[in-house]
């Protein structure tokens, strides 16, 4: 990557990355909703063992990519919590 030459360029690049992240999160949300169809109850939605597996994998990938695992972990935990909340709301609505 070529180093940015101004704060405006840094911000523009961050905005572009944010655009990509939003698209990827929308894809993830669609898959979370699809997964919810296979889950019978709230415990299956919460899936604490799966949460820990996903977080551990994120930490490993972060380290390999040059991202601090201490940054990646809280980001992933916040994302997972938000998607679990979405799943629980949708699961409750189906009852």
N, C-alpha and C. Protein backbone atom coordinates (compact mmCIF):
# COMPACT_ATOMS: atom_id res chain seq x y z
N UNK A 1 0.84 -1.17 0.00
CA UNK A 1 0.00 0.00 0.00
C UNK A 1 0.89 1.25 0.00
N UNK A 2 0.51 2.18 -0.81
CA UNK A 2 1.24 3.46 -0.87
C UNK A 2 0.79 4.31 0.31
N UNK A 3 1.76 4.91 1.00
CA UNK A 3 1.44 5.74 2.16
C UNK A 3 0.60 6.94 1.73
N UNK A 4 -0.41 7.26 2.52
CA UNK A 4 -1.23 8.44 2.20
C UNK A 4 -0.40 9.71 2.38
N UNK A 5 -0.79 10.72 1.64
CA UNK A 5 -0.05 11.98 1.68
C UNK A 5 -0.79 13.10 2.41
N UNK A 6 -2.00 12.80 2.90
CA UNK A 6 -2.76 13.82 3.63
C UNK A 6 -3.79 13.15 4.53
N UNK A 7 -4.27 13.91 5.49
CA UNK A 7 -5.33 13.41 6.36
C UNK A 7 -6.59 13.13 5.55
N UNK A 8 -6.87 13.96 4.57
CA UNK A 8 -8.05 13.74 3.72
C UNK A 8 -7.96 12.40 3.00
N UNK A 9 -6.77 12.05 2.53
CA UNK A 9 -6.60 10.76 1.86
C UNK A 9 -6.76 9.61 2.85
N UNK A 10 -6.22 9.75 4.05
CA UNK A 10 -6.40 8.72 5.08
C UNK A 10 -7.88 8.51 5.33
N UNK A 11 -8.61 9.60 5.51
CA UNK A 11 -10.04 9.50 5.78
C UNK A 11 -10.80 8.89 4.62
N UNK A 12 -10.43 9.25 3.41
CA UNK A 12 -11.10 8.68 2.23
C UNK A 12 -10.87 7.17 2.16
N UNK A 13 -9.65 6.75 2.45
CA UNK A 13 -9.36 5.32 2.45
C UNK A 13 -10.12 4.59 3.55
N UNK A 14 -10.20 5.20 4.73
CA UNK A 14 -10.97 4.60 5.82
C UNK A 14 -12.44 4.49 5.42
N UNK A 15 -12.98 5.53 4.80
CA UNK A 15 -14.37 5.49 4.33
C UNK A 15 -14.57 4.35 3.34
N UNK A 16 -13.62 4.13 2.45
CA UNK A 16 -13.72 3.03 1.49
C UNK A 16 -13.71 1.68 2.18
N UNK A 17 -12.86 1.53 3.17
CA UNK A 17 -12.82 0.29 3.94
C UNK A 17 -14.14 0.10 4.69
N UNK A 18 -14.66 1.18 5.27
CA UNK A 18 -15.94 1.09 5.96
C UNK A 18 -17.06 0.64 5.01
N UNK A 19 -17.04 1.15 3.78
CA UNK A 19 -18.03 0.72 2.78
C UNK A 19 -17.93 -0.78 2.56
N UNK A 20 -16.70 -1.29 2.43
CA UNK A 20 -16.49 -2.73 2.24
C UNK A 20 -16.99 -3.51 3.46
N UNK A 21 -16.68 -3.00 4.64
CA UNK A 21 -17.11 -3.69 5.86
C UNK A 21 -18.63 -3.76 5.96
N UNK A 22 -19.32 -2.70 5.60
CA UNK A 22 -20.78 -2.71 5.65
C UNK A 22 -21.33 -3.78 4.71
N UNK A 23 -20.79 -3.86 3.50
CA UNK A 23 -21.24 -4.89 2.56
C UNK A 23 -20.98 -6.29 3.11
N UNK A 24 -19.81 -6.50 3.70
CA UNK A 24 -19.48 -7.80 4.27
C UNK A 24 -20.36 -8.14 5.46
N UNK A 25 -20.66 -7.14 6.29
CA UNK A 25 -21.56 -7.38 7.43
C UNK A 25 -22.98 -7.70 6.96
N UNK A 26 -23.40 -7.09 5.89
CA UNK A 26 -24.72 -7.43 5.33
C UNK A 26 -24.73 -8.88 4.86
N UNK A 27 -23.66 -9.33 4.23
CA UNK A 27 -23.55 -10.73 3.83
C UNK A 27 -23.58 -11.64 5.05
N UNK A 28 -22.84 -11.25 6.09
CA UNK A 28 -22.80 -12.05 7.32
C UNK A 28 -24.19 -12.11 7.95
N UNK A 29 -24.89 -10.98 7.95
CA UNK A 29 -26.24 -10.96 8.51
C UNK A 29 -27.17 -11.92 7.78
N UNK A 30 -27.07 -11.96 6.47
CA UNK A 30 -27.91 -12.88 5.70
C UNK A 30 -27.63 -14.33 6.11
N UNK A 31 -26.36 -14.65 6.33
CA UNK A 31 -26.01 -16.00 6.74
C UNK A 31 -26.45 -16.29 8.17
N UNK A 32 -26.37 -15.29 9.04
CA UNK A 32 -26.85 -15.45 10.42
C UNK A 32 -28.35 -15.74 10.40
N UNK A 33 -29.07 -15.03 9.58
CA UNK A 33 -30.52 -15.27 9.47
C UNK A 33 -30.79 -16.67 8.93
N UNK A 34 -30.00 -17.11 7.97
CA UNK A 34 -30.17 -18.46 7.44
C UNK A 34 -29.87 -19.50 8.52
N UNK A 35 -28.82 -19.27 9.30
CA UNK A 35 -28.48 -20.20 10.38
C UNK A 35 -29.59 -20.27 11.42
N UNK A 36 -30.23 -19.14 11.68
CA UNK A 36 -31.30 -19.10 12.69
C UNK A 36 -32.43 -20.06 12.35
N UNK A 37 -32.63 -20.30 11.10
CA UNK A 37 -33.69 -21.22 10.67
C UNK A 37 -33.42 -22.65 11.14
N UNK A 38 -32.17 -22.98 11.39
CA UNK A 38 -31.79 -24.33 11.80
C UNK A 38 -31.72 -24.49 13.31
N UNK A 39 -31.90 -23.40 14.04
CA UNK A 39 -31.72 -23.43 15.49
C UNK A 39 -33.08 -23.55 16.18
N UNK A 40 -33.15 -24.50 17.11
CA UNK A 40 -34.43 -24.83 17.74
C UNK A 40 -34.78 -23.93 18.92
N UNK A 41 -33.77 -23.38 19.60
CA UNK A 41 -34.08 -22.64 20.81
C UNK A 41 -33.02 -21.57 21.09
N UNK A 42 -33.23 -20.83 22.19
CA UNK A 42 -32.35 -19.72 22.54
C UNK A 42 -30.92 -20.20 22.81
N UNK A 43 -30.78 -21.35 23.43
CA UNK A 43 -29.43 -21.87 23.72
C UNK A 43 -28.68 -22.14 22.42
N UNK A 44 -29.36 -22.64 21.42
CA UNK A 44 -28.72 -22.88 20.12
C UNK A 44 -28.32 -21.56 19.47
N UNK A 45 -29.10 -20.53 19.69
CA UNK A 45 -28.76 -19.22 19.15
C UNK A 45 -27.53 -18.66 19.87
N UNK A 46 -27.51 -18.75 21.18
CA UNK A 46 -26.38 -18.20 21.95
C UNK A 46 -25.08 -18.97 21.71
N UNK A 47 -25.13 -20.27 21.63
CA UNK A 47 -24.00 -21.15 21.28
C UNK A 47 -22.65 -20.66 21.82
N UNK A 48 -22.49 -20.63 23.15
CA UNK A 48 -21.26 -20.07 23.71
C UNK A 48 -19.98 -20.75 23.24
N UNK A 49 -20.01 -22.05 23.04
CA UNK A 49 -18.80 -22.73 22.55
C UNK A 49 -18.44 -22.25 21.15
N UNK A 50 -19.45 -22.05 20.31
CA UNK A 50 -19.21 -21.56 18.95
C UNK A 50 -18.68 -20.12 18.99
N UNK A 51 -19.20 -19.31 19.89
CA UNK A 51 -18.71 -17.94 20.03
C UNK A 51 -17.22 -17.96 20.34
N UNK A 52 -16.81 -18.77 21.29
CA UNK A 52 -15.39 -18.84 21.66
C UNK A 52 -14.54 -19.35 20.51
N UNK A 53 -15.07 -20.29 19.75
CA UNK A 53 -14.35 -20.81 18.57
C UNK A 53 -14.15 -19.70 17.53
N UNK A 54 -15.18 -18.93 17.27
CA UNK A 54 -15.10 -17.85 16.28
C UNK A 54 -14.13 -16.76 16.75
N UNK A 55 -14.19 -16.42 18.03
CA UNK A 55 -13.29 -15.40 18.57
C UNK A 55 -11.84 -15.87 18.50
N UNK A 56 -11.59 -17.12 18.87
CA UNK A 56 -10.22 -17.65 18.82
C UNK A 56 -9.70 -17.62 17.38
N UNK A 57 -10.55 -17.97 16.45
CA UNK A 57 -10.15 -17.95 15.03
C UNK A 57 -9.86 -16.52 14.57
N UNK A 58 -10.67 -15.58 15.02
CA UNK A 58 -10.46 -14.18 14.66
C UNK A 58 -9.13 -13.68 15.21
N UNK A 59 -8.81 -14.06 16.42
CA UNK A 59 -7.53 -13.65 17.02
C UNK A 59 -6.36 -14.22 16.21
N UNK A 60 -6.45 -15.48 15.81
CA UNK A 60 -5.39 -16.10 15.02
C UNK A 60 -5.22 -15.41 13.67
N UNK A 61 -6.33 -15.18 12.99
CA UNK A 61 -6.28 -14.52 11.67
C UNK A 61 -5.78 -13.09 11.81
N UNK A 62 -6.19 -12.42 12.88
CA UNK A 62 -5.73 -11.05 13.11
C UNK A 62 -4.21 -11.01 13.23
N UNK A 63 -3.68 -11.88 14.05
CA UNK A 63 -2.23 -11.93 14.25
C UNK A 63 -1.51 -12.17 12.93
N UNK A 64 -2.02 -13.09 12.14
CA UNK A 64 -1.41 -13.41 10.85
C UNK A 64 -1.49 -12.23 9.87
N UNK A 65 -2.53 -11.41 10.01
CA UNK A 65 -2.74 -10.29 9.09
C UNK A 65 -2.08 -8.99 9.55
N UNK A 66 -1.53 -9.00 10.76
CA UNK A 66 -0.91 -7.78 11.28
C UNK A 66 -1.85 -6.89 12.07
N UNK A 67 -2.99 -7.45 12.44
CA UNK A 67 -3.95 -6.73 13.28
C UNK A 67 -3.77 -7.21 14.71
N UNK A 68 -3.76 -6.30 15.65
CA UNK A 68 -3.64 -6.69 17.05
C UNK A 68 -4.81 -7.59 17.44
N UNK A 69 -4.52 -8.78 17.96
CA UNK A 69 -5.61 -9.64 18.45
C UNK A 69 -6.41 -8.97 19.55
N UNK A 70 -5.79 -8.03 20.27
CA UNK A 70 -6.50 -7.31 21.33
C UNK A 70 -7.45 -6.26 20.77
N UNK A 71 -7.32 -5.94 19.51
CA UNK A 71 -8.30 -5.10 18.81
C UNK A 71 -9.37 -6.01 18.21
N UNK A 72 -8.93 -7.09 17.58
CA UNK A 72 -9.86 -7.98 16.89
C UNK A 72 -10.88 -8.59 17.85
N UNK A 73 -10.42 -9.05 19.00
CA UNK A 73 -11.34 -9.76 19.89
C UNK A 73 -12.55 -8.93 20.32
N UNK A 74 -12.37 -7.72 20.83
CA UNK A 74 -13.58 -6.97 21.23
C UNK A 74 -14.46 -6.59 20.04
N UNK A 75 -13.86 -6.39 18.87
CA UNK A 75 -14.66 -6.09 17.68
C UNK A 75 -15.53 -7.30 17.35
N UNK A 76 -14.92 -8.49 17.35
CA UNK A 76 -15.69 -9.70 17.03
C UNK A 76 -16.74 -9.98 18.10
N UNK A 77 -16.39 -9.78 19.36
CA UNK A 77 -17.39 -10.03 20.42
C UNK A 77 -18.57 -9.08 20.29
N UNK A 78 -18.32 -7.82 19.96
CA UNK A 78 -19.41 -6.86 19.77
C UNK A 78 -20.26 -7.25 18.57
N UNK A 79 -19.62 -7.65 17.49
CA UNK A 79 -20.35 -8.06 16.29
C UNK A 79 -21.21 -9.29 16.58
N UNK A 80 -20.61 -10.28 17.24
CA UNK A 80 -21.33 -11.51 17.54
C UNK A 80 -22.51 -11.21 18.46
N UNK A 81 -22.30 -10.38 19.47
CA UNK A 81 -23.39 -10.02 20.38
C UNK A 81 -24.53 -9.36 19.62
N UNK A 82 -24.22 -8.45 18.71
CA UNK A 82 -25.26 -7.78 17.93
C UNK A 82 -26.03 -8.78 17.07
N UNK A 83 -25.32 -9.72 16.46
CA UNK A 83 -26.01 -10.70 15.62
C UNK A 83 -26.81 -11.69 16.46
N UNK A 84 -26.32 -12.06 17.64
CA UNK A 84 -27.10 -12.92 18.53
C UNK A 84 -28.38 -12.20 18.94
N UNK A 85 -28.28 -10.93 19.28
CA UNK A 85 -29.47 -10.15 19.63
C UNK A 85 -30.48 -10.14 18.48
N UNK A 86 -29.99 -9.96 17.27
CA UNK A 86 -30.87 -9.99 16.09
C UNK A 86 -31.54 -11.35 15.96
N UNK A 87 -30.75 -12.41 16.08
CA UNK A 87 -31.29 -13.77 15.98
C UNK A 87 -32.34 -14.02 17.05
N UNK A 88 -32.05 -13.60 18.29
CA UNK A 88 -33.00 -13.83 19.38
C UNK A 88 -34.31 -13.10 19.12
N UNK A 89 -34.22 -11.88 18.62
CA UNK A 89 -35.44 -11.11 18.30
C UNK A 89 -36.24 -11.82 17.22
N UNK A 90 -35.56 -12.27 16.18
CA UNK A 90 -36.25 -12.95 15.09
C UNK A 90 -36.79 -14.31 15.54
N UNK A 91 -36.03 -15.00 16.39
CA UNK A 91 -36.46 -16.30 16.90
C UNK A 91 -37.74 -16.13 17.73
N UNK A 92 -37.76 -15.10 18.58
CA UNK A 92 -38.92 -14.83 19.42
C UNK A 92 -40.14 -14.47 18.56
N UNK A 93 -39.92 -13.77 17.48
CA UNK A 93 -41.02 -13.36 16.61
C UNK A 93 -41.67 -14.56 15.90
N UNK A 94 -40.90 -15.63 15.73
CA UNK A 94 -41.44 -16.83 15.05
C UNK A 94 -42.32 -17.67 15.96
N UNK A 95 -42.28 -17.43 17.27
CA UNK A 95 -43.04 -18.24 18.22
C UNK A 95 -44.50 -17.93 18.16
